[in-house]
């Protein structure tokens, strides 16, 4: 769900055949925003557990909470 706020989740992916890329977390092509850093950190942690903890993955993932002003 998109919430009016100042925080987002920065997504980084590398490896495999596609190289390296990074962008803000989006839903339906719109930035997902969080009202607090804690909310963004919780979502980043959830995504890390879901995607990065797979021992069979061929690519690396990193999700982190960042202010849109950074």
N, C-alpha and C. Protein backbone atom coordinates (compact mmCIF):
# COMPACT_ATOMS: atom_id res chain seq x y z
N UNK A 1 0.84 -1.17 0.00
CA UNK A 1 0.00 0.00 0.00
C UNK A 1 0.89 1.24 0.00
N UNK A 2 0.57 2.21 -0.77
CA UNK A 2 1.33 3.45 -0.82
C UNK A 2 0.79 4.41 0.23
N UNK A 3 1.71 4.94 1.02
CA UNK A 3 1.36 5.86 2.09
C UNK A 3 2.11 7.15 1.85
N UNK A 4 1.48 8.29 2.03
CA UNK A 4 2.20 9.55 1.91
C UNK A 4 3.24 9.62 3.02
N UNK A 5 4.48 9.78 2.63
CA UNK A 5 5.57 9.81 3.60
C UNK A 5 6.86 10.20 2.95
N UNK A 6 7.93 10.08 3.71
CA UNK A 6 9.23 10.50 3.22
C UNK A 6 10.21 9.35 3.09
N UNK A 7 9.83 8.15 3.43
CA UNK A 7 10.73 7.02 3.43
C UNK A 7 10.35 6.01 2.36
N UNK A 8 11.35 5.32 1.82
CA UNK A 8 11.11 4.29 0.84
C UNK A 8 12.07 3.15 1.04
N UNK A 9 11.93 2.12 0.22
CA UNK A 9 12.83 0.97 0.25
C UNK A 9 13.65 0.99 -1.02
N UNK A 10 14.98 1.04 -0.87
CA UNK A 10 15.92 1.04 -1.99
C UNK A 10 16.27 -0.42 -2.27
N UNK A 11 16.08 -0.83 -3.52
CA UNK A 11 16.27 -2.23 -3.93
C UNK A 11 17.50 -2.34 -4.83
N UNK A 12 18.40 -3.25 -4.49
CA UNK A 12 19.59 -3.49 -5.31
C UNK A 12 19.65 -4.96 -5.69
N UNK A 13 19.98 -5.24 -6.95
CA UNK A 13 20.09 -6.60 -7.45
C UNK A 13 21.35 -6.68 -8.29
N UNK A 14 22.10 -7.79 -8.13
CA UNK A 14 23.31 -7.98 -8.93
C UNK A 14 23.54 -9.46 -9.18
N UNK A 15 24.35 -9.75 -10.20
CA UNK A 15 24.68 -11.13 -10.53
C UNK A 15 23.81 -11.68 -11.64
N UNK A 16 23.91 -12.97 -11.83
CA UNK A 16 23.14 -13.61 -12.90
C UNK A 16 23.57 -13.08 -14.26
N UNK A 17 22.66 -13.02 -15.19
CA UNK A 17 22.98 -12.56 -16.54
C UNK A 17 22.59 -11.12 -16.78
N UNK A 18 21.95 -10.48 -15.81
CA UNK A 18 21.45 -9.12 -16.03
C UNK A 18 22.35 -8.03 -15.46
N UNK A 19 23.43 -8.39 -14.81
CA UNK A 19 24.33 -7.38 -14.26
C UNK A 19 23.83 -6.77 -12.98
N UNK A 20 24.05 -5.47 -12.82
CA UNK A 20 23.74 -4.76 -11.59
C UNK A 20 22.69 -3.69 -11.84
N UNK A 21 21.74 -3.54 -10.92
CA UNK A 21 20.73 -2.49 -11.05
C UNK A 21 20.17 -2.15 -9.68
N UNK A 22 19.57 -0.96 -9.59
CA UNK A 22 18.99 -0.50 -8.33
C UNK A 22 17.87 0.50 -8.62
N UNK A 23 16.87 0.50 -7.75
CA UNK A 23 15.75 1.43 -7.91
C UNK A 23 14.90 1.39 -6.64
N UNK A 24 13.99 2.35 -6.52
CA UNK A 24 13.05 2.39 -5.41
C UNK A 24 12.00 1.31 -5.58
N UNK A 25 11.51 0.78 -4.47
CA UNK A 25 10.41 -0.18 -4.47
C UNK A 25 9.17 0.52 -5.02
N UNK A 26 8.50 -0.16 -5.97
CA UNK A 26 7.30 0.39 -6.58
C UNK A 26 6.18 -0.65 -6.56
N UNK A 27 4.96 -0.15 -6.62
CA UNK A 27 3.79 -1.00 -6.74
C UNK A 27 2.90 -0.36 -7.80
N UNK A 28 2.55 -1.12 -8.82
CA UNK A 28 1.76 -0.60 -9.94
C UNK A 28 2.43 0.65 -10.53
N UNK A 29 3.75 0.61 -10.66
CA UNK A 29 4.57 1.67 -11.26
C UNK A 29 4.62 2.96 -10.44
N UNK A 30 4.17 2.92 -9.20
CA UNK A 30 4.20 4.10 -8.33
C UNK A 30 5.12 3.81 -7.15
N UNK A 31 5.87 4.83 -6.72
CA UNK A 31 6.73 4.68 -5.56
C UNK A 31 5.92 4.27 -4.34
N UNK A 32 6.45 3.35 -3.58
CA UNK A 32 5.85 2.97 -2.31
C UNK A 32 6.52 3.83 -1.25
N UNK A 33 5.73 4.60 -0.52
CA UNK A 33 6.26 5.51 0.49
C UNK A 33 5.76 5.10 1.86
N UNK A 34 6.60 5.37 2.87
CA UNK A 34 6.27 5.04 4.26
C UNK A 34 6.37 6.31 5.09
N UNK A 35 5.52 6.42 6.08
CA UNK A 35 5.47 7.61 6.92
C UNK A 35 6.65 7.68 7.89
N UNK A 36 7.20 6.49 8.26
CA UNK A 36 8.30 6.47 9.21
C UNK A 36 9.43 5.57 8.73
N UNK A 37 10.60 5.83 9.26
CA UNK A 37 11.76 4.98 8.94
C UNK A 37 11.52 3.55 9.40
N UNK A 38 10.89 3.39 10.54
CA UNK A 38 10.64 2.05 11.08
C UNK A 38 9.77 1.20 10.15
N UNK A 39 8.76 1.82 9.55
CA UNK A 39 7.91 1.09 8.60
C UNK A 39 8.71 0.66 7.38
N UNK A 40 9.54 1.55 6.86
CA UNK A 40 10.37 1.22 5.70
C UNK A 40 11.38 0.13 6.05
N UNK A 41 11.96 0.21 7.23
CA UNK A 41 12.92 -0.82 7.66
C UNK A 41 12.26 -2.18 7.81
N UNK A 42 11.04 -2.21 8.32
CA UNK A 42 10.32 -3.47 8.48
C UNK A 42 10.05 -4.11 7.11
N UNK A 43 9.67 -3.30 6.13
CA UNK A 43 9.42 -3.84 4.79
C UNK A 43 10.72 -4.31 4.15
N UNK A 44 11.79 -3.56 4.31
CA UNK A 44 13.10 -3.97 3.77
C UNK A 44 13.52 -5.31 4.38
N UNK A 45 13.33 -5.46 5.66
CA UNK A 45 13.69 -6.72 6.34
C UNK A 45 12.84 -7.88 5.83
N UNK A 46 11.54 -7.63 5.64
CA UNK A 46 10.65 -8.67 5.11
C UNK A 46 11.10 -9.12 3.73
N UNK A 47 11.45 -8.15 2.88
CA UNK A 47 11.90 -8.48 1.53
C UNK A 47 13.24 -9.22 1.55
N UNK A 48 14.14 -8.82 2.43
CA UNK A 48 15.42 -9.52 2.54
C UNK A 48 15.20 -10.98 2.90
N UNK A 49 14.32 -11.24 3.84
CA UNK A 49 14.05 -12.63 4.24
C UNK A 49 13.41 -13.41 3.10
N UNK A 50 12.53 -12.76 2.37
CA UNK A 50 11.81 -13.45 1.30
C UNK A 50 12.71 -13.78 0.11
N UNK A 51 13.56 -12.83 -0.29
CA UNK A 51 14.32 -13.02 -1.52
C UNK A 51 15.80 -13.33 -1.30
N UNK A 52 16.42 -12.75 -0.31
CA UNK A 52 17.86 -12.88 -0.16
C UNK A 52 18.28 -14.12 0.61
N UNK A 53 17.39 -14.72 1.38
CA UNK A 53 17.76 -15.87 2.20
C UNK A 53 17.73 -17.20 1.47
N UNK A 54 17.41 -17.20 0.18
CA UNK A 54 17.36 -18.43 -0.59
C UNK A 54 18.79 -18.90 -0.88
N UNK A 55 19.21 -20.06 -0.35
CA UNK A 55 20.59 -20.51 -0.56
C UNK A 55 20.88 -20.94 -2.00
N UNK A 56 19.87 -21.13 -2.82
CA UNK A 56 20.04 -21.58 -4.20
C UNK A 56 20.02 -20.44 -5.21
N UNK A 57 19.91 -19.23 -4.75
CA UNK A 57 19.80 -18.08 -5.66
C UNK A 57 21.11 -17.87 -6.42
N UNK A 58 20.98 -17.33 -7.60
CA UNK A 58 22.13 -17.02 -8.46
C UNK A 58 22.43 -15.53 -8.46
N UNK A 59 21.56 -14.74 -7.89
CA UNK A 59 21.72 -13.30 -7.85
C UNK A 59 21.73 -12.81 -6.40
N UNK A 60 22.30 -11.64 -6.19
CA UNK A 60 22.31 -11.03 -4.87
C UNK A 60 21.24 -9.96 -4.77
N UNK A 61 20.63 -9.85 -3.62
CA UNK A 61 19.59 -8.85 -3.36
C UNK A 61 19.93 -8.09 -2.10
N UNK A 62 19.63 -6.79 -2.09
CA UNK A 62 19.76 -5.99 -0.88
C UNK A 62 18.61 -4.99 -0.87
N UNK A 63 17.93 -4.93 0.25
CA UNK A 63 16.83 -3.98 0.44
C UNK A 63 17.15 -3.16 1.67
N UNK A 64 17.02 -1.84 1.55
CA UNK A 64 17.32 -0.98 2.69
C UNK A 64 16.38 0.22 2.72
N UNK A 65 16.10 0.68 3.93
CA UNK A 65 15.25 1.86 4.11
C UNK A 65 16.09 3.11 3.86
N UNK A 66 15.54 4.04 3.07
CA UNK A 66 16.23 5.30 2.79
C UNK A 66 15.22 6.43 2.72
N UNK A 67 15.70 7.59 3.06
CA UNK A 67 14.89 8.78 2.91
C UNK A 67 14.90 9.16 1.44
N UNK A 68 13.79 9.65 0.91
CA UNK A 68 13.77 10.09 -0.48
C UNK A 68 14.69 11.29 -0.70
N UNK A 69 15.08 11.95 0.39
CA UNK A 69 15.98 13.08 0.28
C UNK A 69 17.46 12.71 0.19
N UNK A 70 17.80 11.42 0.40
CA UNK A 70 19.20 10.99 0.36
C UNK A 70 19.73 10.92 -1.04
